[in-house]
Amino acid sequence: MMIKKLMLSTWILFITLPVSAENSIQSLPFQKEDISVTEIRKICQQLESECQEINAQLWSVNIAKNKYYYLIEDKLRITQLLKQRGQYRIMEQWDLDQHQPVFAIQEDHESIIYLHPALYPLNKHSYAVALVYGGISNSLGDDSGEQNVDFIQLLPKGKTKLVFEHLPFYEYQNRLSCYRDMKDEKNNYCEDQKATILKISYRDVGLTYYEWRLSYLNINWLKNNKIDEYKQRSLTLIPFIQAH
């Protein structure tokens, strides 16, 4: 649906943008790689445990001057690869299944859990990934969802460490009135479409880990596709010291 696509693209835009051009510390969003099922199968064959190519996606990201590849599987496993002479070689592998949170959802909602395709800097040499979970509803007259996130540090030799847990990540709601003008694509808008989106910025304050500033933005889609945006609240956190 056009509305869902608009929301998703806006969500990714806000969550990965730095606060200003002067701040060089920022999240590193992955880029989706155009790769065949056969190539993914070859990567899967290098892994010790079972890997289904239909449930995996290859991504890439530039860190300093190097380009790294990450295979993310539905089973919450992420594998770092290096491409040499057209061949992918496994460098590291992390199984985040052990970090699966226990969470409750509303009765009419469907549970979801996935790894968001991005790296979040903890310091100059270490990154975390986002394990997102929650519930979504697509019932008649109410398309809504609420997601929380645990940030998990990726360490050498497949080790992981919980950084932050159960932080709000993304929330949206679309009422039935949003779809009344779908036939008129030129004037397609929604008076009852809103979302709360997370934006993260980082600051080096001379500690072992960067300071994280989490800002939650309320977004309302108005007539003629105009966006009304305002900041709801913000949190300042230091990794591994959670108080919110």
C-alpha atoms as a PDB file:
ATOM      1  CA  MET A   1       0.000   0.000   0.000  1.00  0.00           C
ATOM      2  CA  MET A   2       1.199   3.530  -0.787  1.00  0.00           C
ATOM      3  CA  ILE A   3       0.644   4.710   2.784  1.00  0.00           C
ATOM      4  CA  LYS A   4       2.677   1.886   4.289  1.00  0.00           C
ATOM      5  CA  LYS A   5       5.507   2.463   1.805  1.00  0.00           C
ATOM      6  CA  LEU A   6       5.532   6.162   2.627  1.00  0.00           C
ATOM      7  CA  MET A   7       5.665   5.411   6.343  1.00  0.00           C
ATOM      8  CA  LEU A   8       8.461   2.886   5.981  1.00  0.00           C
ATOM      9  CA  SER A   9      10.635   5.149   3.841  1.00  0.00           C
ATOM     10  CA  THR A  10      10.093   8.049   6.223  1.00  0.00           C
ATOM     11  CA  TRP A  11      10.901   5.832   9.210  1.00  0.00           C
ATOM     12  CA  ILE A  12      14.212   4.674   7.718  1.00  0.00           C
ATOM     13  CA  LEU A  13      15.074   8.252   6.734  1.00  0.00           C
ATOM     14  CA  PHE A  14      14.572   9.602  10.226  1.00  0.00           C
ATOM     15  CA  ILE A  15      16.279   6.775  12.045  1.00  0.00           C
ATOM     16  CA  THR A  16      19.519   6.989  10.069  1.00  0.00           C
ATOM     17  CA  LEU A  17      20.030  10.714   9.589  1.00  0.00           C
ATOM     18  CA  PRO A  18      22.603  12.470  11.798  1.00  0.00           C
ATOM     19  CA  VAL A  19      21.545  15.579  13.685  1.00  0.00           C
ATOM     20  CA  SER A  20      23.816  17.848  11.641  1.00  0.00           C
ATOM     21  CA  ALA A  21      26.468  17.663   8.979  1.00  0.00           C
ATOM     22  CA  GLU A  22      29.084  18.592  11.600  1.00  0.00           C
ATOM     23  CA  ASN A  23      28.470  15.397  13.542  1.00  0.00           C
ATOM     24  CA  SER A  24      30.448  12.646  11.829  1.00  0.00           C
ATOM     25  CA  ILE A  25      29.305   9.988  14.308  1.00  0.00           C
ATOM     26  CA  GLN A  26      26.165   8.430  12.956  1.00  0.00           C
ATOM     27  CA  SER A  27      24.266   5.215  12.447  1.00  0.00           C
ATOM     28  CA  LEU A  28      25.338   3.131   9.455  1.00  0.00           C
ATOM     29  CA  PRO A  29      22.310   1.954   7.462  1.00  0.00           C
ATOM     30  CA  PHE A  30      22.819  -1.166   5.371  1.00  0.00           C
ATOM     31  CA  GLN A  31      22.341  -1.190   1.614  1.00  0.00           C
ATOM     32  CA  LYS A  32      20.443  -4.113   0.146  1.00  0.00           C
ATOM     33  CA  GLU A  33      22.583  -6.196  -2.213  1.00  0.00           C
ATOM     34  CA  ASP A  34      21.212  -7.494  -5.499  1.00  0.00           C
ATOM     35  CA  ILE A  35      22.300 -11.114  -5.251  1.00  0.00           C
ATOM     36  CA  SER A  36      20.896 -14.344  -6.651  1.00  0.00           C
ATOM     37  CA  VAL A  37      19.428 -17.160  -4.570  1.00  0.00           C
ATOM     38  CA  THR A  38      22.257 -19.369  -5.840  1.00  0.00           C
ATOM     39  CA  GLU A  39      24.895 -16.998  -4.422  1.00  0.00           C
ATOM     40  CA  ILE A  40      23.127 -16.861  -1.061  1.00  0.00           C
ATOM     41  CA  ARG A  41      22.979 -20.661  -1.075  1.00  0.00           C
ATOM     42  CA  LYS A  42      26.772 -20.770  -1.527  1.00  0.00           C
ATOM     43  CA  ILE A  43      27.171 -18.529   1.511  1.00  0.00           C
ATOM     44  CA  CYS A  44      24.780 -20.698   3.509  1.00  0.00           C
ATOM     45  CA  GLN A  45      26.840 -23.769   2.672  1.00  0.00           C
ATOM     46  CA  GLN A  46      29.793 -22.221   4.513  1.00  0.00           C
ATOM     47  CA  LEU A  47      27.814 -21.918   7.746  1.00  0.00           C
ATOM     48  CA  GLU A  48      27.942 -24.679  10.322  1.00  0.00           C
ATOM     49  CA  SER A  49      24.242 -24.560  11.227  1.00  0.00           C
ATOM     50  CA  GLU A  50      21.306 -24.735   8.833  1.00  0.00           C
ATOM     51  CA  CYS A  51      20.664 -21.705   6.657  1.00  0.00           C
ATOM     52  CA  GLN A  52      17.704 -21.280   4.311  1.00  0.00           C
ATOM     53  CA  GLU A  53      18.458 -18.976   1.396  1.00  0.00           C
ATOM     54  CA  ILE A  54      14.790 -17.984   1.073  1.00  0.00           C
ATOM     55  CA  ASN A  55      14.901 -16.631   4.638  1.00  0.00           C
ATOM     56  CA  ALA A  56      18.140 -14.664   4.265  1.00  0.00           C
ATOM     57  CA  GLN A  57      19.093 -11.299   2.781  1.00  0.00           C
ATOM     58  CA  LEU A  58      22.553  -9.933   1.974  1.00  0.00           C
ATOM     59  CA  TRP A  59      23.373  -6.337   2.888  1.00  0.00           C
ATOM     60  CA  SER A  60      26.470  -4.140   2.664  1.00  0.00           C
ATOM     61  CA  VAL A  61      27.879  -1.203   4.609  1.00  0.00           C
ATOM     62  CA  ASN A  62      30.990   0.958   4.354  1.00  0.00           C
ATOM     63  CA  ILE A  63      33.072   1.202   7.534  1.00  0.00           C
ATOM     64  CA  ALA A  64      36.045   3.554   7.175  1.00  0.00           C
ATOM     65  CA  LYS A  65      37.530   2.607   3.779  1.00  0.00           C
ATOM     66  CA  ASN A  66      36.316  -0.991   3.789  1.00  0.00           C
ATOM     67  CA  LYS A  67      33.106  -2.470   2.486  1.00  0.00           C
ATOM     68  CA  TYR A  68      31.588  -5.241   4.575  1.00  0.00           C
ATOM     69  CA  TYR A  69      28.736  -7.572   3.826  1.00  0.00           C
ATOM     70  CA  TYR A  70      26.190  -8.901   6.289  1.00  0.00           C
ATOM     71  CA  LEU A  71      23.858 -11.829   5.823  1.00  0.00           C
ATOM     72  CA  ILE A  72      20.777 -11.471   8.025  1.00  0.00           C
ATOM     73  CA  GLU A  73      18.535 -14.479   8.559  1.00  0.00           C
ATOM     74  CA  ASP A  74      15.000 -14.669   9.890  1.00  0.00           C
ATOM     75  CA  LYS A  75      16.279 -16.841  12.746  1.00  0.00           C
ATOM     76  CA  LEU A  76      18.062 -13.752  14.150  1.00  0.00           C
ATOM     77  CA  ARG A  77      21.512 -14.727  12.993  1.00  0.00           C
ATOM     78  CA  ILE A  78      23.847 -12.182  11.396  1.00  0.00           C
ATOM     79  CA  THR A  79      27.040 -13.105   9.528  1.00  0.00           C
ATOM     80  CA  GLN A  80      29.795 -10.680   8.529  1.00  0.00           C
ATOM     81  CA  LEU A  81      31.482 -11.422   5.200  1.00  0.00           C
ATOM     82  CA  LEU A  82      34.317 -10.050   3.107  1.00  0.00           C
ATOM     83  CA  LYS A  83      34.184 -10.246  -0.676  1.00  0.00           C
ATOM     84  CA  GLN A  84      37.452 -11.217  -2.382  1.00  0.00           C
ATOM     85  CA  ARG A  85      37.766 -11.963  -6.086  1.00  0.00           C
ATOM     86  CA  GLY A  86      34.024 -12.353  -6.391  1.00  0.00           C
ATOM     87  CA  GLN A  87      33.803 -14.838  -3.521  1.00  0.00           C
ATOM     88  CA  TYR A  88      32.293 -14.245  -0.082  1.00  0.00           C
ATOM     89  CA  ARG A  89      34.357 -15.295   2.925  1.00  0.00           C
ATOM     90  CA  ILE A  90      32.920 -15.561   6.443  1.00  0.00           C
ATOM     91  CA  MET A  91      34.624 -13.320   9.003  1.00  0.00           C
ATOM     92  CA  GLU A  92      32.291 -13.365  12.009  1.00  0.00           C
ATOM     93  CA  GLN A  93      28.927 -14.807  12.943  1.00  0.00           C
ATOM     94  CA  TRP A  94      26.527 -13.886  15.751  1.00  0.00           C
ATOM     95  CA  ASP A  95      23.447 -15.784  16.883  1.00  0.00           C
ATOM     96  CA  LEU A  96      21.037 -13.401  18.583  1.00  0.00           C
ATOM     97  CA  ASP A  97      18.378 -16.008  19.219  1.00  0.00           C
ATOM     98  CA  GLN A  98      19.570 -16.150  22.831  1.00  0.00           C
ATOM     99  CA  HIS A  99      18.506 -12.513  23.200  1.00  0.00           C
ATOM    100  CA  GLN A 100      14.897 -13.108  22.140  1.00  0.00           C
ATOM    101  CA  PRO A 101      12.829 -10.984  24.512  1.00  0.00           C
ATOM    102  CA  VAL A 102       9.636 -12.053  26.221  1.00  0.00           C
ATOM    103  CA  PHE A 103       6.952  -9.532  25.360  1.00  0.00           C
ATOM    104  CA  ALA A 104       3.179  -9.243  25.376  1.00  0.00           C
ATOM    105  CA  ILE A 105       1.005  -8.005  22.533  1.00  0.00           C
ATOM    106  CA  GLN A 106      -2.656  -7.113  22.220  1.00  0.00           C
ATOM    107  CA  GLU A 107      -5.069  -9.941  21.504  1.00  0.00           C
ATOM    108  CA  ASP A 108      -5.812  -8.820  17.933  1.00  0.00           C
ATOM    109  CA  HIS A 109      -2.142  -8.183  17.048  1.00  0.00           C
ATOM    110  CA  GLU A 110       0.404 -10.375  15.281  1.00  0.00           C
ATOM    111  CA  SER A 111       3.861 -10.623  16.853  1.00  0.00           C
ATOM    112  CA  ILE A 112       6.974  -9.689  14.868  1.00  0.00           C
ATOM    113  CA  ILE A 113      10.693  -9.868  15.632  1.00  0.00           C
ATOM    114  CA  TYR A 114      13.599  -9.006  13.332  1.00  0.00           C
ATOM    115  CA  LEU A 115      17.067  -7.470  13.067  1.00  0.00           C
ATOM    116  CA  HIS A 116      16.996  -3.927  11.693  1.00  0.00           C
ATOM    117  CA  PRO A 117      19.597  -3.569   8.872  1.00  0.00           C
ATOM    118  CA  ALA A 118      21.968  -1.012  10.389  1.00  0.00           C
ATOM    119  CA  LEU A 119      24.926  -0.652  12.749  1.00  0.00           C
ATOM    120  CA  TYR A 120      24.842   1.691  15.742  1.00  0.00           C
ATOM    121  CA  PRO A 121      28.230   3.017  16.962  1.00  0.00           C
ATOM    122  CA  LEU A 122      29.233   2.475  20.603  1.00  0.00           C
ATOM    123  CA  ASN A 123      32.733   3.898  20.129  1.00  0.00           C
ATOM    124  CA  LYS A 124      35.313   4.097  17.330  1.00  0.00           C
ATOM    125  CA  HIS A 125      35.794   0.336  17.247  1.00  0.00           C
ATOM    126  CA  SER A 126      32.525  -1.260  18.331  1.00  0.00           C
ATOM    127  CA  TYR A 127      28.951  -1.389  17.048  1.00  0.00           C
ATOM    128  CA  ALA A 128      25.556  -2.619  18.139  1.00  0.00           C
ATOM    129  CA  VAL A 129      22.611  -3.983  16.174  1.00  0.00           C
ATOM    130  CA  ALA A 130      18.918  -3.429  16.827  1.00  0.00           C
ATOM    131  CA  LEU A 131      16.697  -6.385  17.717  1.00  0.00           C
ATOM    132  CA  VAL A 132      13.185  -5.090  17.063  1.00  0.00           C
ATOM    133  CA  TYR A 133      10.022  -6.747  18.338  1.00  0.00           C
ATOM    134  CA  GLY A 134       6.362  -5.972  18.903  1.00  0.00           C
ATOM    135  CA  GLY A 135       2.929  -6.405  17.400  1.00  0.00           C
ATOM    136  CA  ILE A 136       1.045  -5.252  14.325  1.00  0.00           C
ATOM    137  CA  SER A 137      -2.663  -5.204  13.539  1.00  0.00           C
ATOM    138  CA  ASN A 138      -4.390  -5.028  10.186  1.00  0.00           C
ATOM    139  CA  SER A 139      -7.956  -5.333  11.403  1.00  0.00           C
ATOM    140  CA  LEU A 140     -10.810  -3.612   9.596  1.00  0.00           C
ATOM    141  CA  GLY A 141     -10.699   0.083  10.318  1.00  0.00           C
ATOM    142  CA  ASP A 142      -7.485   0.036  12.330  1.00  0.00           C
ATOM    143  CA  ASP A 143      -4.035  -0.585  10.871  1.00  0.00           C
ATOM    144  CA  SER A 144      -1.600  -0.079  13.746  1.00  0.00           C
ATOM    145  CA  GLY A 145       1.620  -1.332  15.256  1.00  0.00           C
ATOM    146  CA  GLU A 146       4.007  -0.813  18.135  1.00  0.00           C
ATOM    147  CA  GLN A 147       7.638  -1.931  18.243  1.00  0.00           C
ATOM    148  CA  ASN A 148      10.337  -1.869  20.910  1.00  0.00           C
ATOM    149  CA  VAL A 149      14.050  -2.490  20.538  1.00  0.00           C
ATOM    150  CA  ASP A 150      17.000  -4.071  22.322  1.00  0.00           C
ATOM    151  CA  PHE A 151      20.435  -2.862  21.213  1.00  0.00           C
ATOM    152  CA  ILE A 152      23.054  -5.621  21.297  1.00  0.00           C
ATOM    153  CA  GLN A 153      26.817  -5.202  20.969  1.00  0.00           C
ATOM    154  CA  LEU A 154      28.621  -7.412  18.440  1.00  0.00           C
ATOM    155  CA  LEU A 155      31.893  -8.700  19.913  1.00  0.00           C
ATOM    156  CA  PRO A 156      34.708 -10.829  18.422  1.00  0.00           C
ATOM    157  CA  LYS A 157      34.378 -14.619  18.230  1.00  0.00           C
ATOM    158  CA  GLY A 158      30.594 -14.524  18.007  1.00  0.00           C
ATOM    159  CA  LYS A 159      30.056 -13.019  21.437  1.00  0.00           C
ATOM    160  CA  THR A 160      27.328 -10.474  22.164  1.00  0.00           C
ATOM    161  CA  LYS A 161      26.381  -8.163  25.014  1.00  0.00           C
ATOM    162  CA  LEU A 162      23.123  -6.374  25.784  1.00  0.00           C
ATOM    163  CA  VAL A 163      23.530  -2.587  25.590  1.00  0.00           C
ATOM    164  CA  PHE A 164      19.984  -1.244  26.076  1.00  0.00           C
ATOM    165  CA  GLU A 165      16.706  -3.094  26.384  1.00  0.00           C
ATOM    166  CA  HIS A 166      13.025  -2.448  25.806  1.00  0.00           C
ATOM    167  CA  LEU A 167      13.271   1.033  24.322  1.00  0.00           C
ATOM    168  CA  PRO A 168      10.431   2.382  22.147  1.00  0.00           C
ATOM    169  CA  PHE A 169      11.388   2.072  18.475  1.00  0.00           C
ATOM    170  CA  TYR A 170       8.432   2.759  16.200  1.00  0.00           C
ATOM    171  CA  GLU A 171       4.677   3.214  16.518  1.00  0.00           C
ATOM    172  CA  TYR A 172       2.042   3.968  13.897  1.00  0.00           C
ATOM    173  CA  GLN A 173      -1.713   4.114  13.485  1.00  0.00           C
ATOM    174  CA  ASN A 174      -3.928   4.447  10.415  1.00  0.00           C
ATOM    175  CA  ARG A 175      -7.675   4.871  10.754  1.00  0.00           C
ATOM    176  CA  LEU A 176     -10.212   3.769   8.147  1.00  0.00           C
ATOM    177  CA  SER A 177     -10.711   7.368   6.992  1.00  0.00           C
ATOM    178  CA  CYS A 178      -7.162   7.233   5.656  1.00  0.00           C
ATOM    179  CA  TYR A 179      -8.310   5.173   2.703  1.00  0.00           C
ATOM    180  CA  ARG A 180     -11.352   7.091   1.571  1.00  0.00           C
ATOM    181  CA  ASP A 181      -9.466   8.950  -1.192  1.00  0.00           C
ATOM    182  CA  MET A 182      -7.365   6.055  -2.455  1.00  0.00           C
ATOM    183  CA  LYS A 183      -9.131   6.209  -5.830  1.00  0.00           C
ATOM    184  CA  ASP A 184      -7.913   9.753  -6.325  1.00  0.00           C
ATOM    185  CA  GLU A 185      -4.130   9.277  -6.420  1.00  0.00           C
ATOM    186  CA  LYS A 186      -3.427  12.951  -7.111  1.00  0.00           C
ATOM    187  CA  ASN A 187      -5.064  14.010  -3.858  1.00  0.00           C
ATOM    188  CA  ASN A 188      -4.332  10.956  -1.783  1.00  0.00           C
ATOM    189  CA  TYR A 189      -3.965  11.944   1.849  1.00  0.00           C
ATOM    190  CA  CYS A 190      -4.893  10.726   5.277  1.00  0.00           C
ATOM    191  CA  GLU A 191      -6.206  12.858   8.124  1.00  0.00           C
ATOM    192  CA  ASP A 192      -5.805  10.042  10.666  1.00  0.00           C
ATOM    193  CA  GLN A 193      -2.362   8.706   9.893  1.00  0.00           C
ATOM    194  CA  LYS A 194       0.330   9.219  12.502  1.00  0.00           C
ATOM    195  CA  ALA A 195       3.568   7.682  13.679  1.00  0.00           C
ATOM    196  CA  THR A 196       6.182   8.055  16.401  1.00  0.00           C
ATOM    197  CA  ILE A 197       9.686   7.596  15.037  1.00  0.00           C
ATOM    198  CA  LEU A 198      13.060   7.226  16.735  1.00  0.00           C
ATOM    199  CA  LYS A 199      16.011   9.381  15.702  1.00  0.00           C
ATOM    200  CA  ILE A 200      19.446   8.697  17.243  1.00  0.00           C
ATOM    201  CA  SER A 201      22.436  11.028  17.474  1.00  0.00           C
ATOM    202  CA  TYR A 202      25.803  10.387  19.110  1.00  0.00           C
ATOM    203  CA  ARG A 203      28.406  12.458  20.932  1.00  0.00           C
ATOM    204  CA  ASP A 204      31.946  11.694  22.045  1.00  0.00           C
ATOM    205  CA  VAL A 205      32.078  12.906  25.661  1.00  0.00           C
ATOM    206  CA  GLY A 206      35.452  11.388  26.508  1.00  0.00           C
ATOM    207  CA  LEU A 207      34.094   8.182  28.043  1.00  0.00           C
ATOM    208  CA  THR A 208      34.589   4.575  26.951  1.00  0.00           C
ATOM    209  CA  TYR A 209      31.356   4.755  24.958  1.00  0.00           C
ATOM    210  CA  TYR A 210      29.593   7.496  23.039  1.00  0.00           C
ATOM    211  CA  GLU A 211      26.663   9.334  24.534  1.00  0.00           C
ATOM    212  CA  TRP A 212      23.421   8.411  22.765  1.00  0.00           C
ATOM    213  CA  ARG A 213      20.607  10.922  22.377  1.00  0.00           C
ATOM    214  CA  LEU A 214      17.297   9.330  21.450  1.00  0.00           C
ATOM    215  CA  SER A 215      14.658  11.731  20.117  1.00  0.00           C
ATOM    216  CA  TYR A 216      11.105  10.603  19.487  1.00  0.00           C
ATOM    217  CA  LEU A 217       9.355  12.474  16.700  1.00  0.00           C
ATOM    218  CA  ASN A 218       5.597  12.548  16.248  1.00  0.00           C
ATOM    219  CA  ILE A 219       4.658  12.595  12.572  1.00  0.00           C
ATOM    220  CA  ASN A 220       1.171  13.415  11.266  1.00  0.00           C
ATOM    221  CA  TRP A 221       0.332  13.194   7.567  1.00  0.00           C
ATOM    222  CA  LEU A 222      -1.885  16.116   6.598  1.00  0.00           C
ATOM    223  CA  LYS A 223      -3.872  17.008   3.505  1.00  0.00           C
ATOM    224  CA  ASN A 224      -1.915  17.120   0.218  1.00  0.00           C
ATOM    225  CA  ASN A 225       0.787  14.868   1.713  1.00  0.00           C
ATOM    226  CA  LYS A 226       2.175  17.615   3.925  1.00  0.00           C
ATOM    227  CA  ILE A 227       3.890  16.401   7.079  1.00  0.00           C
ATOM    228  CA  ASP A 228       3.404  17.918  10.513  1.00  0.00           C
ATOM    229  CA  GLU A 229       6.397  17.014  12.694  1.00  0.00           C
ATOM    230  CA  TYR A 230       7.197  17.795  16.296  1.00  0.00           C
ATOM    231  CA  LYS A 231       9.469  16.294  18.935  1.00  0.00           C
ATOM    232  CA  GLN A 232       7.685  14.386  21.655  1.00  0.00           C
ATOM    233  CA  ARG A 233      10.549  13.695  24.051  1.00  0.00           C
ATOM    234  CA  SER A 234      14.228  12.808  24.182  1.00  0.00           C
ATOM    235  CA  LEU A 235      16.512  10.585  26.257  1.00  0.00           C
ATOM    236  CA  THR A 236      20.256  10.826  26.841  1.00  0.00           C
ATOM    237  CA  LEU A 237      21.888   7.465  27.568  1.00  0.00           C
ATOM    238  CA  ILE A 238      25.363   6.001  27.991  1.00  0.00           C
ATOM    239  CA  PRO A 239      25.737   2.390  26.737  1.00  0.00           C
ATOM    240  CA  PHE A 240      25.416  -0.277  29.432  1.00  0.00           C
ATOM    241  CA  ILE A 241      24.067   2.325  31.870  1.00  0.00           C
ATOM    242  CA  GLN A 242      20.333   2.436  31.235  1.00  0.00           C
ATOM    243  CA  ALA A 243      18.073   4.904  32.993  1.00  0.00           C
ATOM    244  CA  HIS A 244      14.975   6.140  31.213  1.00  0.00           C
END
